[in-house]
């Protein structure tokens, strides 16, 4: 779900990604996908994620539906503070789809991503 936050890009961010521990056996886990993540050549790229979390959380990322990778996020400094963290990822040539979720817990709320490389 999209929620308002003045410090986020466009004043909005995505909440409800992942699931609550008590809902692990239900099909209610929220995910967010970024489609059309372009890479001119296959290789390593820097993925910067802008996020909000008042506590350390993690997210599971799939690239093109494969190779799950757990990403750990420290607290951003508060539930209304946007912070960024950069990870190195492998992209295929052309358009890629990045999917974020967590089958056992909530992830940080996400603002936006950038790709460099």
C-alpha atoms as a PDB file:
ATOM      1  CA  UNK A   1       0.000   0.000   0.000  1.00  0.00           C
ATOM      2  CA  UNK A   2       1.168   3.521  -0.719  1.00  0.00           C
ATOM      3  CA  UNK A   3       1.409   5.837   2.292  1.00  0.00           C
ATOM      4  CA  UNK A   4       2.285   9.501   2.719  1.00  0.00           C
ATOM      5  CA  UNK A   5       5.660  10.585   4.084  1.00  0.00           C
ATOM      6  CA  UNK A   6       6.885  14.125   3.535  1.00  0.00           C
ATOM      7  CA  UNK A   7      10.571  13.098   3.369  1.00  0.00           C
ATOM      8  CA  UNK A   8      10.037  10.444   0.691  1.00  0.00           C
ATOM      9  CA  UNK A   9      10.427  11.085  -3.030  1.00  0.00           C
ATOM     10  CA  UNK A  10       7.116  12.417  -4.270  1.00  0.00           C
ATOM     11  CA  UNK A  11       5.935  12.455  -0.641  1.00  0.00           C
ATOM     12  CA  UNK A  12       4.968   8.755  -0.759  1.00  0.00           C
ATOM     13  CA  UNK A  13       6.440   5.310  -0.081  1.00  0.00           C
ATOM     14  CA  UNK A  14       5.336   1.666  -0.168  1.00  0.00           C
ATOM     15  CA  UNK A  15       4.340  -0.075   3.073  1.00  0.00           C
ATOM     16  CA  UNK A  16       3.086  -3.592   3.851  1.00  0.00           C
ATOM     17  CA  UNK A  17       5.886  -5.483   2.097  1.00  0.00           C
ATOM     18  CA  UNK A  18       6.478  -8.925   3.626  1.00  0.00           C
ATOM     19  CA  UNK A  19       4.246 -10.490   6.257  1.00  0.00           C
ATOM     20  CA  UNK A  20       3.623 -10.616   9.981  1.00  0.00           C
ATOM     21  CA  UNK A  21       5.062 -13.619  11.810  1.00  0.00           C
ATOM     22  CA  UNK A  22       1.579 -14.848  12.784  1.00  0.00           C
ATOM     23  CA  UNK A  23       0.572 -14.914   9.092  1.00  0.00           C
ATOM     24  CA  UNK A  24       3.474 -17.057   7.845  1.00  0.00           C
ATOM     25  CA  UNK A  25       1.155 -19.881   6.764  1.00  0.00           C
ATOM     26  CA  UNK A  26      -1.238 -17.565   4.937  1.00  0.00           C
ATOM     27  CA  UNK A  27      -0.897 -16.312   1.388  1.00  0.00           C
ATOM     28  CA  UNK A  28      -0.917 -12.665   2.470  1.00  0.00           C
ATOM     29  CA  UNK A  29       2.735 -11.757   2.020  1.00  0.00           C
ATOM     30  CA  UNK A  30       3.118  -8.444   0.219  1.00  0.00           C
ATOM     31  CA  UNK A  31       5.768  -7.940  -2.447  1.00  0.00           C
ATOM     32  CA  UNK A  32       6.942  -5.025  -4.531  1.00  0.00           C
ATOM     33  CA  UNK A  33       8.333  -5.367  -8.035  1.00  0.00           C
ATOM     34  CA  UNK A  34      10.447  -2.958 -10.035  1.00  0.00           C
ATOM     35  CA  UNK A  35      10.126  -3.917 -13.709  1.00  0.00           C
ATOM     36  CA  UNK A  36      12.153  -2.526 -16.588  1.00  0.00           C
ATOM     37  CA  UNK A  37      15.412  -2.258 -14.620  1.00  0.00           C
ATOM     38  CA  UNK A  38      17.669  -1.842 -17.647  1.00  0.00           C
ATOM     39  CA  UNK A  39      21.236  -3.129 -17.911  1.00  0.00           C
ATOM     40  CA  UNK A  40      23.193  -2.426 -21.117  1.00  0.00           C
ATOM     41  CA  UNK A  41      25.390  -5.482 -20.466  1.00  0.00           C
ATOM     42  CA  UNK A  42      25.232  -8.407 -18.043  1.00  0.00           C
ATOM     43  CA  UNK A  43      27.259  -7.872 -14.910  1.00  0.00           C
ATOM     44  CA  UNK A  44      27.533  -6.328 -11.478  1.00  0.00           C
ATOM     45  CA  UNK A  45      25.634  -3.174 -10.610  1.00  0.00           C
ATOM     46  CA  UNK A  46      25.201  -1.047  -7.502  1.00  0.00           C
ATOM     47  CA  UNK A  47      21.587  -1.113  -6.274  1.00  0.00           C
ATOM     48  CA  UNK A  48      20.743   1.698  -3.861  1.00  0.00           C
ATOM     49  CA  UNK A  49      17.492   1.320  -1.941  1.00  0.00           C
ATOM     50  CA  UNK A  50      15.912   4.287  -0.165  1.00  0.00           C
ATOM     51  CA  UNK A  51      13.882   2.977   2.762  1.00  0.00           C
ATOM     52  CA  UNK A  52      12.290   3.726   6.142  1.00  0.00           C
ATOM     53  CA  UNK A  53      12.472   1.520   9.233  1.00  0.00           C
ATOM     54  CA  UNK A  54      12.680   2.248  12.942  1.00  0.00           C
ATOM     55  CA  UNK A  55      14.405  -1.106  13.549  1.00  0.00           C
ATOM     56  CA  UNK A  56      16.734  -3.516  11.715  1.00  0.00           C
ATOM     57  CA  UNK A  57      14.778  -5.555   9.141  1.00  0.00           C
ATOM     58  CA  UNK A  58      15.520  -7.740   6.134  1.00  0.00           C
ATOM     59  CA  UNK A  59      14.052  -8.326   2.698  1.00  0.00           C
ATOM     60  CA  UNK A  60      14.351 -11.199   0.263  1.00  0.00           C
ATOM     61  CA  UNK A  61      15.154 -10.091  -3.295  1.00  0.00           C
ATOM     62  CA  UNK A  62      14.660 -12.050  -6.496  1.00  0.00           C
ATOM     63  CA  UNK A  63      16.121 -10.933  -9.811  1.00  0.00           C
ATOM     64  CA  UNK A  64      14.044 -12.107 -12.758  1.00  0.00           C
ATOM     65  CA  UNK A  65      12.306 -14.586 -10.431  1.00  0.00           C
ATOM     66  CA  UNK A  66      15.528 -16.404  -9.481  1.00  0.00           C
ATOM     67  CA  UNK A  67      18.327 -16.555  -6.928  1.00  0.00           C
ATOM     68  CA  UNK A  68      16.838 -15.252  -3.699  1.00  0.00           C
ATOM     69  CA  UNK A  69      19.199 -12.997  -1.778  1.00  0.00           C
ATOM     70  CA  UNK A  70      18.571 -11.725   1.760  1.00  0.00           C
ATOM     71  CA  UNK A  71      19.263  -8.013   2.166  1.00  0.00           C
ATOM     72  CA  UNK A  72      19.754  -6.668   5.700  1.00  0.00           C
ATOM     73  CA  UNK A  73      18.716  -3.116   6.497  1.00  0.00           C
ATOM     74  CA  UNK A  74      19.766  -1.250   9.655  1.00  0.00           C
ATOM     75  CA  UNK A  75      17.331   1.150  11.294  1.00  0.00           C
ATOM     76  CA  UNK A  76      16.952   4.279   9.179  1.00  0.00           C
ATOM     77  CA  UNK A  77      16.873   6.330  12.371  1.00  0.00           C
ATOM     78  CA  UNK A  78      13.108   6.395  12.841  1.00  0.00           C
ATOM     79  CA  UNK A  79       9.777   5.474  11.293  1.00  0.00           C
ATOM     80  CA  UNK A  80       9.711   8.773   9.403  1.00  0.00           C
ATOM     81  CA  UNK A  81      13.385   9.001   8.357  1.00  0.00           C
ATOM     82  CA  UNK A  82      14.437   8.027   4.830  1.00  0.00           C
ATOM     83  CA  UNK A  83      17.863   6.389   4.602  1.00  0.00           C
ATOM     84  CA  UNK A  84      19.700   4.602   1.793  1.00  0.00           C
ATOM     85  CA  UNK A  85      21.823   1.483   1.567  1.00  0.00           C
ATOM     86  CA  UNK A  86      23.718   0.078  -1.423  1.00  0.00           C
ATOM     87  CA  UNK A  87      24.084  -3.578  -2.426  1.00  0.00           C
ATOM     88  CA  UNK A  88      25.989  -5.156  -5.326  1.00  0.00           C
ATOM     89  CA  UNK A  89      23.756  -7.250  -7.597  1.00  0.00           C
ATOM     90  CA  UNK A  90      24.065  -9.183 -10.871  1.00  0.00           C
ATOM     91  CA  UNK A  91      21.799  -8.113 -13.735  1.00  0.00           C
ATOM     92  CA  UNK A  92      21.183  -9.715 -17.120  1.00  0.00           C
ATOM     93  CA  UNK A  93      21.477  -7.754 -20.353  1.00  0.00           C
ATOM     94  CA  UNK A  94      18.269  -5.862 -21.095  1.00  0.00           C
ATOM     95  CA  UNK A  95      15.282  -5.348 -18.820  1.00  0.00           C
ATOM     96  CA  UNK A  96      15.265  -7.028 -15.415  1.00  0.00           C
ATOM     97  CA  UNK A  97      12.593  -7.418 -12.737  1.00  0.00           C
ATOM     98  CA  UNK A  98      13.545  -6.948  -9.087  1.00  0.00           C
ATOM     99  CA  UNK A  99      11.077  -8.392  -6.554  1.00  0.00           C
ATOM    100  CA  UNK A 100      11.261  -7.681  -2.823  1.00  0.00           C
ATOM    101  CA  UNK A 101       9.342  -9.385  -0.022  1.00  0.00           C
ATOM    102  CA  UNK A 102       9.834 -11.535   3.053  1.00  0.00           C
ATOM    103  CA  UNK A 103       7.854 -14.709   3.789  1.00  0.00           C
ATOM    104  CA  UNK A 104       8.427 -14.519   7.563  1.00  0.00           C
ATOM    105  CA  UNK A 105       8.517 -10.816   8.528  1.00  0.00           C
ATOM    106  CA  UNK A 106       7.861  -7.304   7.325  1.00  0.00           C
ATOM    107  CA  UNK A 107      10.522  -5.524   5.282  1.00  0.00           C
ATOM    108  CA  UNK A 108      11.386  -1.840   5.532  1.00  0.00           C
ATOM    109  CA  UNK A 109       8.984   0.524   3.814  1.00  0.00           C
ATOM    110  CA  UNK A 110      10.495   1.427   0.435  1.00  0.00           C
ATOM    111  CA  UNK A 111      10.757   4.804  -1.231  1.00  0.00           C
ATOM    112  CA  UNK A 112      12.740   4.222  -4.436  1.00  0.00           C
ATOM    113  CA  UNK A 113      15.719   2.446  -5.978  1.00  0.00           C
ATOM    114  CA  UNK A 114      18.588   3.544  -8.184  1.00  0.00           C
ATOM    115  CA  UNK A 115      20.973   1.419 -10.252  1.00  0.00           C
ATOM    116  CA  UNK A 116      24.551   2.405 -11.105  1.00  0.00           C
ATOM    117  CA  UNK A 117      27.181   0.554 -13.016  1.00  0.00           C
END
